[in-house]
Amino acid sequence: MENINPESQDSIEKRISRDRLANYKGSALVAISRLDFPHPCRQVDRKVIEQLKRDFKGEGCITEKPNNRIPAIIDDLTLQAVLEKLGTSAEAFRTASKDNPLRLQLDRDMKLECLHGQYRILAAKEFLLPQKRWWVVDLYSTS
């Protein structure tokens, strides 16, 4: 494996941080049934799911905690349509979502492509009551 010098590593991290900030659209509560993981990095391991369910039972399933949020991508047209239904602008959504994420109602055929967090969602589907199956998702533009 090739070593990356610290300056290059720092420059890569800064670029990723800039890209992430530039593409961040806001955070929202989304029904976990609307979250999709089309590119899993490994096969599902039941042991991990069972451990997360034990953690949820002991610590609670705190979906709004920033470290527990799941990154997902959304195209601009879909986001605009969802925001119109909510009666809010993209800027107001982004600002408000930092402290108090709005609940997004996505159409039945609409799913968000999540970048990671599959195990948390699989465990939550089994742990949470149906009316509590919502998760805070950080939304990023597909552009």
N, C-alpha and C. Protein backbone atom coordinates (compact mmCIF):
# COMPACT_ATOMS: atom_id res chain seq x y z
N MET A 1 0.84 -1.19 0.00
CA MET A 1 0.00 0.00 0.00
C MET A 1 0.88 1.24 0.00
N GLU A 2 0.50 2.20 -0.79
CA GLU A 2 1.28 3.42 -0.95
C GLU A 2 1.05 4.36 0.23
N ASN A 3 2.14 4.93 0.76
CA ASN A 3 2.02 5.90 1.85
C ASN A 3 1.65 7.26 1.29
N ILE A 4 0.79 7.95 1.99
CA ILE A 4 0.41 9.31 1.61
C ILE A 4 1.09 10.24 2.60
N ASN A 5 1.80 11.25 2.06
CA ASN A 5 2.46 12.16 2.99
C ASN A 5 1.42 13.00 3.72
N PRO A 6 1.74 13.48 4.91
CA PRO A 6 0.77 14.21 5.74
C PRO A 6 0.15 15.41 5.05
N GLU A 7 0.93 16.11 4.22
CA GLU A 7 0.39 17.28 3.53
C GLU A 7 -0.69 16.86 2.54
N SER A 8 -0.45 15.79 1.81
CA SER A 8 -1.44 15.30 0.86
C SER A 8 -2.69 14.83 1.59
N GLN A 9 -2.51 14.12 2.69
CA GLN A 9 -3.64 13.64 3.49
C GLN A 9 -4.46 14.83 3.99
N ASP A 10 -3.80 15.85 4.48
CA ASP A 10 -4.48 17.04 4.97
C ASP A 10 -5.25 17.73 3.84
N SER A 11 -4.64 17.82 2.68
CA SER A 11 -5.29 18.45 1.53
C SER A 11 -6.51 17.65 1.08
N ILE A 12 -6.42 16.32 1.10
CA ILE A 12 -7.55 15.47 0.74
C ILE A 12 -8.69 15.67 1.72
N GLU A 13 -8.37 15.66 3.02
CA GLU A 13 -9.40 15.84 4.05
C GLU A 13 -10.08 17.20 3.92
N LYS A 14 -9.33 18.24 3.63
CA LYS A 14 -9.90 19.58 3.45
C LYS A 14 -10.84 19.61 2.24
N ARG A 15 -10.44 18.97 1.15
CA ARG A 15 -11.29 18.94 -0.04
C ARG A 15 -12.59 18.19 0.23
N ILE A 16 -12.50 17.06 0.91
CA ILE A 16 -13.70 16.28 1.25
C ILE A 16 -14.62 17.12 2.14
N SER A 17 -14.05 17.82 3.10
CA SER A 17 -14.84 18.66 3.99
C SER A 17 -15.53 19.78 3.21
N ARG A 18 -14.82 20.41 2.27
CA ARG A 18 -15.40 21.47 1.44
C ARG A 18 -16.54 20.92 0.59
N ASP A 19 -16.31 19.76 -0.05
CA ASP A 19 -17.34 19.15 -0.89
C ASP A 19 -18.58 18.79 -0.08
N ARG A 20 -18.34 18.25 1.09
CA ARG A 20 -19.45 17.86 1.96
C ARG A 20 -20.28 19.07 2.34
N LEU A 21 -19.63 20.13 2.74
CA LEU A 21 -20.33 21.36 3.13
C LEU A 21 -21.06 21.97 1.93
N ALA A 22 -20.43 21.97 0.77
CA ALA A 22 -21.05 22.55 -0.42
C ALA A 22 -22.28 21.78 -0.86
N ASN A 23 -22.31 20.47 -0.64
CA ASN A 23 -23.43 19.64 -1.10
C ASN A 23 -24.47 19.35 -0.02
N TYR A 24 -24.22 19.80 1.21
CA TYR A 24 -25.16 19.57 2.30
C TYR A 24 -26.42 20.39 2.07
N LYS A 25 -27.58 19.72 2.11
CA LYS A 25 -28.86 20.39 1.88
C LYS A 25 -29.67 20.58 3.15
N GLY A 26 -29.35 19.82 4.18
CA GLY A 26 -30.08 19.92 5.44
C GLY A 26 -30.30 18.53 6.02
N SER A 27 -30.91 18.50 7.19
CA SER A 27 -31.19 17.24 7.87
C SER A 27 -32.70 17.13 8.06
N ALA A 28 -33.19 15.89 8.02
CA ALA A 28 -34.63 15.67 8.13
C ALA A 28 -34.92 14.33 8.77
N LEU A 29 -36.08 14.26 9.41
CA LEU A 29 -36.59 12.98 9.90
C LEU A 29 -37.23 12.28 8.71
N VAL A 30 -36.82 11.05 8.46
CA VAL A 30 -37.33 10.28 7.32
C VAL A 30 -37.75 8.91 7.83
N ALA A 31 -38.88 8.42 7.35
CA ALA A 31 -39.33 7.08 7.71
C ALA A 31 -38.27 6.07 7.29
N ILE A 32 -37.94 5.15 8.18
CA ILE A 32 -36.87 4.21 7.85
C ILE A 32 -37.24 3.30 6.67
N SER A 33 -38.51 3.18 6.38
CA SER A 33 -38.92 2.40 5.21
C SER A 33 -38.56 3.11 3.90
N ARG A 34 -38.21 4.39 3.97
CA ARG A 34 -37.82 5.17 2.79
C ARG A 34 -36.30 5.21 2.60
N LEU A 35 -35.56 4.50 3.46
CA LEU A 35 -34.10 4.51 3.37
C LEU A 35 -33.63 3.25 2.66
N ASP A 36 -32.73 3.44 1.69
CA ASP A 36 -32.25 2.33 0.88
C ASP A 36 -30.72 2.28 0.96
N PHE A 37 -30.20 1.08 0.92
CA PHE A 37 -28.75 0.86 0.97
C PHE A 37 -28.35 0.01 -0.23
N PRO A 38 -28.29 0.62 -1.42
CA PRO A 38 -28.04 -0.16 -2.63
C PRO A 38 -26.60 -0.67 -2.78
N HIS A 39 -25.68 -0.12 -1.99
CA HIS A 39 -24.27 -0.51 -2.12
C HIS A 39 -23.70 -0.95 -0.77
N PRO A 40 -24.21 -2.03 -0.20
CA PRO A 40 -23.70 -2.46 1.10
C PRO A 40 -22.22 -2.85 0.98
N CYS A 41 -21.46 -2.55 2.03
CA CYS A 41 -20.02 -2.84 1.98
C CYS A 41 -19.70 -4.25 2.44
N ARG A 42 -20.69 -4.93 3.02
CA ARG A 42 -20.47 -6.32 3.46
C ARG A 42 -21.81 -7.02 3.61
N GLN A 43 -21.75 -8.35 3.73
CA GLN A 43 -22.97 -9.11 3.94
C GLN A 43 -23.54 -8.80 5.31
N VAL A 44 -24.86 -8.91 5.42
CA VAL A 44 -25.54 -8.64 6.70
C VAL A 44 -25.11 -9.68 7.72
N ASP A 45 -24.73 -9.20 8.89
CA ASP A 45 -24.30 -10.04 10.00
C ASP A 45 -25.31 -9.89 11.14
N ARG A 46 -26.07 -10.94 11.41
CA ARG A 46 -27.10 -10.91 12.45
C ARG A 46 -26.52 -10.56 13.82
N LYS A 47 -25.28 -10.95 14.09
CA LYS A 47 -24.67 -10.65 15.39
C LYS A 47 -24.58 -9.14 15.61
N VAL A 48 -24.24 -8.41 14.57
CA VAL A 48 -24.13 -6.95 14.68
C VAL A 48 -25.51 -6.35 14.94
N ILE A 49 -26.52 -6.83 14.25
CA ILE A 49 -27.88 -6.32 14.44
C ILE A 49 -28.35 -6.59 15.87
N GLU A 50 -28.12 -7.81 16.35
CA GLU A 50 -28.54 -8.16 17.72
C GLU A 50 -27.81 -7.30 18.75
N GLN A 51 -26.52 -7.02 18.52
CA GLN A 51 -25.76 -6.17 19.44
C GLN A 51 -26.32 -4.75 19.45
N LEU A 52 -26.65 -4.22 18.29
CA LEU A 52 -27.24 -2.89 18.23
C LEU A 52 -28.59 -2.84 18.94
N LYS A 53 -29.39 -3.87 18.80
CA LYS A 53 -30.68 -3.91 19.50
C LYS A 53 -30.46 -3.92 21.01
N ARG A 54 -29.44 -4.64 21.48
CA ARG A 54 -29.11 -4.62 22.92
C ARG A 54 -28.67 -3.21 23.33
N ASP A 55 -27.88 -2.57 22.50
CA ASP A 55 -27.45 -1.20 22.78
C ASP A 55 -28.65 -0.26 22.84
N PHE A 56 -29.58 -0.40 21.89
CA PHE A 56 -30.78 0.43 21.89
C PHE A 56 -31.58 0.22 23.17
N LYS A 57 -31.67 -1.03 23.60
CA LYS A 57 -32.43 -1.33 24.81
C LYS A 57 -31.78 -0.70 26.03
N GLY A 58 -30.45 -0.75 26.10
CA GLY A 58 -29.74 -0.21 27.26
C GLY A 58 -29.58 1.30 27.24
N GLU A 59 -29.26 1.85 26.08
CA GLU A 59 -28.95 3.28 25.97
C GLU A 59 -30.07 4.09 25.34
N GLY A 60 -30.98 3.42 24.69
CA GLY A 60 -32.02 4.11 23.93
C GLY A 60 -31.61 4.21 22.47
N CYS A 61 -32.60 4.33 21.64
CA CYS A 61 -32.36 4.47 20.20
C CYS A 61 -32.51 5.95 19.87
N ILE A 62 -31.41 6.68 19.96
CA ILE A 62 -31.44 8.14 19.83
C ILE A 62 -31.10 8.50 18.39
N THR A 63 -32.13 8.59 17.56
CA THR A 63 -31.91 8.80 16.13
C THR A 63 -31.46 10.21 15.77
N GLU A 64 -31.75 11.17 16.65
CA GLU A 64 -31.43 12.57 16.32
C GLU A 64 -30.02 12.99 16.73
N LYS A 65 -29.33 12.16 17.50
CA LYS A 65 -27.96 12.49 17.92
C LYS A 65 -27.07 12.64 16.67
N PRO A 66 -26.32 13.72 16.56
CA PRO A 66 -25.52 13.95 15.35
C PRO A 66 -24.65 12.77 14.92
N ASN A 67 -24.06 12.06 15.87
CA ASN A 67 -23.21 10.91 15.50
C ASN A 67 -24.01 9.74 14.95
N ASN A 68 -25.32 9.72 15.19
CA ASN A 68 -26.16 8.62 14.72
C ASN A 68 -26.85 8.93 13.40
N ARG A 69 -26.72 10.14 12.93
CA ARG A 69 -27.37 10.51 11.67
C ARG A 69 -26.78 9.72 10.51
N ILE A 70 -27.60 9.53 9.49
CA ILE A 70 -27.19 8.75 8.33
C ILE A 70 -27.12 9.68 7.12
N PRO A 71 -26.00 9.68 6.40
CA PRO A 71 -25.90 10.50 5.19
C PRO A 71 -26.62 9.83 4.03
N ALA A 72 -27.37 10.64 3.28
CA ALA A 72 -28.09 10.13 2.10
C ALA A 72 -28.03 11.17 1.00
N ILE A 73 -28.20 10.71 -0.22
CA ILE A 73 -28.19 11.65 -1.34
C ILE A 73 -29.61 11.82 -1.87
N ILE A 74 -29.87 13.03 -2.34
CA ILE A 74 -31.18 13.38 -2.89
C ILE A 74 -30.95 14.33 -4.06
N ASP A 75 -31.67 14.11 -5.14
CA ASP A 75 -31.49 15.02 -6.27
C ASP A 75 -32.26 16.32 -5.99
N ASP A 76 -31.80 17.39 -6.60
CA ASP A 76 -32.34 18.72 -6.32
C ASP A 76 -33.82 18.84 -6.64
N LEU A 77 -34.29 18.22 -7.72
CA LEU A 77 -35.71 18.32 -8.08
C LEU A 77 -36.60 17.62 -7.05
N THR A 78 -36.16 16.47 -6.57
CA THR A 78 -36.93 15.75 -5.55
C THR A 78 -36.98 16.56 -4.27
N LEU A 79 -35.84 17.10 -3.87
CA LEU A 79 -35.81 17.92 -2.65
C LEU A 79 -36.73 19.13 -2.80
N GLN A 80 -36.67 19.77 -3.94
CA GLN A 80 -37.51 20.95 -4.16
C GLN A 80 -39.00 20.59 -4.05
N ALA A 81 -39.39 19.47 -4.62
CA ALA A 81 -40.80 19.04 -4.56
C ALA A 81 -41.22 18.75 -3.12
N VAL A 82 -40.35 18.10 -2.36
CA VAL A 82 -40.65 17.79 -0.96
C VAL A 82 -40.75 19.07 -0.15
N LEU A 83 -39.86 20.02 -0.39
CA LEU A 83 -39.89 21.28 0.34
C LEU A 83 -41.12 22.11 0.00
N GLU A 84 -41.56 22.04 -1.25
CA GLU A 84 -42.80 22.74 -1.63
C GLU A 84 -43.98 22.19 -0.85
N LYS A 85 -44.03 20.86 -0.68
CA LYS A 85 -45.11 20.24 0.11
C LYS A 85 -45.08 20.74 1.55
N LEU A 86 -43.87 20.97 2.06
CA LEU A 86 -43.71 21.46 3.44
C LEU A 86 -43.96 22.96 3.54
N GLY A 87 -43.95 23.64 2.40
CA GLY A 87 -44.14 25.09 2.40
C GLY A 87 -42.94 25.84 2.91
N THR A 88 -41.74 25.33 2.60
CA THR A 88 -40.53 26.00 3.07
C THR A 88 -39.51 26.10 1.94
N SER A 89 -38.60 27.03 2.07
CA SER A 89 -37.55 27.21 1.07
C SER A 89 -36.35 26.33 1.41
N ALA A 90 -35.47 26.15 0.45
CA ALA A 90 -34.26 25.34 0.67
C ALA A 90 -33.39 25.95 1.76
N GLU A 91 -33.28 27.28 1.76
CA GLU A 91 -32.44 27.94 2.76
C GLU A 91 -33.04 27.83 4.16
N ALA A 92 -34.35 28.03 4.27
CA ALA A 92 -35.02 27.90 5.57
C ALA A 92 -34.91 26.46 6.07
N PHE A 93 -35.05 25.50 5.17
CA PHE A 93 -34.93 24.09 5.54
C PHE A 93 -33.53 23.79 6.08
N ARG A 94 -32.53 24.25 5.36
CA ARG A 94 -31.14 23.99 5.77
C ARG A 94 -30.84 24.61 7.14
N THR A 95 -31.29 25.82 7.35
CA THR A 95 -31.05 26.52 8.61
C THR A 95 -31.79 25.86 9.77
N ALA A 96 -33.07 25.58 9.58
CA ALA A 96 -33.89 25.00 10.65
C ALA A 96 -33.48 23.57 10.97
N SER A 97 -33.00 22.85 9.98
CA SER A 97 -32.74 21.42 10.17
C SER A 97 -31.55 21.13 11.08
N LYS A 98 -30.71 22.12 11.32
CA LYS A 98 -29.55 21.90 12.19
C LYS A 98 -29.97 21.55 13.61
N ASP A 99 -30.97 22.26 14.12
CA ASP A 99 -31.40 22.06 15.50
C ASP A 99 -32.71 21.31 15.63
N ASN A 100 -33.56 21.42 14.63
CA ASN A 100 -34.89 20.84 14.71
C ASN A 100 -35.30 20.27 13.35
N PRO A 101 -34.77 19.11 12.98
CA PRO A 101 -35.05 18.55 11.65
C PRO A 101 -36.55 18.35 11.42
N LEU A 102 -36.99 18.76 10.23
CA LEU A 102 -38.39 18.59 9.84
C LEU A 102 -38.63 17.14 9.40
N ARG A 103 -39.87 16.73 9.48
CA ARG A 103 -40.26 15.38 9.05
C ARG A 103 -40.60 15.45 7.57
N LEU A 104 -39.83 14.71 6.75
CA LEU A 104 -40.10 14.68 5.32
C LEU A 104 -41.03 13.52 4.99
N GLN A 105 -42.09 13.83 4.30
CA GLN A 105 -43.02 12.80 3.83
C GLN A 105 -42.68 12.53 2.37
N LEU A 106 -42.01 11.41 2.12
CA LEU A 106 -41.64 11.05 0.76
C LEU A 106 -42.74 10.19 0.15
N ASP A 107 -42.91 10.31 -1.16
CA ASP A 107 -43.88 9.47 -1.87
C ASP A 107 -43.53 8.00 -1.66
N ARG A 108 -44.55 7.15 -1.77
CA ARG A 108 -44.38 5.71 -1.53
C ARG A 108 -43.29 5.08 -2.39
N ASP A 109 -43.15 5.55 -3.61
CA ASP A 109 -42.15 4.97 -4.51
C ASP A 109 -40.76 5.61 -4.38
N MET A 110 -40.65 6.58 -3.50
CA MET A 110 -39.39 7.31 -3.32
C MET A 110 -38.57 6.73 -2.18
N LYS A 111 -37.28 6.49 -2.45
CA LYS A 111 -36.35 6.05 -1.42
C LYS A 111 -35.09 6.89 -1.52
N LEU A 112 -34.47 7.11 -0.38
CA LEU A 112 -33.21 7.85 -0.36
C LEU A 112 -32.06 6.86 -0.36
N GLU A 113 -31.06 7.14 -1.15
CA GLU A 113 -29.86 6.29 -1.20
C GLU A 113 -28.94 6.69 -0.05
N CYS A 114 -28.78 5.79 0.90
CA CYS A 114 -27.94 6.06 2.07
C CYS A 114 -26.51 5.60 1.82
N LEU A 115 -25.57 6.34 2.37
CA LEU A 115 -24.16 6.04 2.14
C LEU A 115 -23.59 5.10 3.19
N HIS A 116 -24.15 5.11 4.38
CA HIS A 116 -23.79 4.13 5.42
C HIS A 116 -24.86 4.17 6.49
N GLY A 117 -24.77 3.24 7.46
CA GLY A 117 -25.76 3.18 8.54
C GLY A 117 -26.75 2.04 8.40
N GLN A 118 -26.48 1.12 7.48
CA GLN A 118 -27.42 0.03 7.21
C GLN A 118 -27.72 -0.80 8.46
N TYR A 119 -26.71 -1.11 9.25
CA TYR A 119 -26.94 -1.94 10.44
C TYR A 119 -27.84 -1.23 11.46
N ARG A 120 -27.65 0.08 11.62
CA ARG A 120 -28.51 0.82 12.55
C ARG A 120 -29.98 0.75 12.11
N ILE A 121 -30.20 0.86 10.81
CA ILE A 121 -31.57 0.83 10.30
C ILE A 121 -32.16 -0.57 10.40
N LEU A 122 -31.38 -1.60 10.09
CA LEU A 122 -31.88 -2.97 10.21
C LEU A 122 -32.27 -3.27 11.67
N ALA A 123 -31.44 -2.83 12.61
CA ALA A 123 -31.74 -3.04 14.03
C ALA A 123 -32.97 -2.22 14.44
N ALA A 124 -33.06 -0.99 13.97
CA ALA A 124 -34.19 -0.12 14.33
C ALA A 124 -35.51 -0.68 13.80
N LYS A 125 -35.49 -1.27 12.62
CA LYS A 125 -36.72 -1.87 12.06
C LYS A 125 -37.27 -2.95 12.98
N GLU A 126 -36.38 -3.65 13.66
CA GLU A 126 -36.79 -4.72 14.57
C GLU A 126 -37.07 -4.22 15.98
N PHE A 127 -36.43 -3.13 16.36
CA PHE A 127 -36.51 -2.64 17.74
C PHE A 127 -37.64 -1.63 17.97
N LEU A 128 -37.77 -0.68 17.06
CA LEU A 128 -38.72 0.41 17.26
C LEU A 128 -40.16 0.00 16.94
N LEU A 129 -41.10 0.61 17.65
CA LEU A 129 -42.50 0.44 17.34
C LEU A 129 -42.76 1.08 15.97
N PRO A 130 -43.73 0.56 15.21
CA PRO A 130 -43.97 1.10 13.86
C PRO A 130 -44.11 2.63 13.79
N GLN A 131 -44.81 3.24 14.74
CA GLN A 131 -45.01 4.70 14.70
C GLN A 131 -43.75 5.48 15.06
N LYS A 132 -42.73 4.80 15.56
CA LYS A 132 -41.47 5.46 15.94
C LYS A 132 -40.35 5.21 14.93
N ARG A 133 -40.65 4.60 13.81
CA ARG A 133 -39.62 4.21 12.84
C ARG A 133 -39.25 5.36 11.91
N TRP A 134 -38.59 6.35 12.50
CA TRP A 134 -38.07 7.53 11.79
C TRP A 134 -36.61 7.70 12.17
N TRP A 135 -35.82 8.22 11.25
CA TRP A 135 -34.41 8.43 11.53
C TRP A 135 -34.00 9.79 10.99
N VAL A 136 -33.06 10.45 11.67
CA VAL A 136 -32.55 11.72 11.15
C VAL A 136 -31.48 11.42 10.10
N VAL A 137 -31.68 12.02 8.94
CA VAL A 137 -30.81 11.80 7.78
C VAL A 137 -30.22 13.14 7.36
N ASP A 138 -28.92 13.15 7.13
CA ASP A 138 -28.26 14.33 6.57
C ASP A 138 -28.33 14.19 5.05
N LEU A 139 -28.95 15.16 4.40
CA LEU A 139 -29.17 15.09 2.96
C LEU A 139 -28.09 15.86 2.19
N TYR A 140 -27.60 15.20 1.14
CA TYR A 140 -26.56 15.78 0.28
C TYR A 140 -27.04 15.73 -1.17
N SER A 141 -26.68 16.76 -1.90
CA SER A 141 -27.06 16.84 -3.31
C SER A 141 -26.32 15.78 -4.12
N THR A 142 -26.97 15.32 -5.18
CA THR A 142 -26.33 14.35 -6.07
C THR A 142 -25.34 15.03 -7.01
N SER A 143 -25.38 16.35 -7.10
CA SER A 143 -24.51 17.05 -8.05
C SER A 143 -23.07 17.10 -7.62
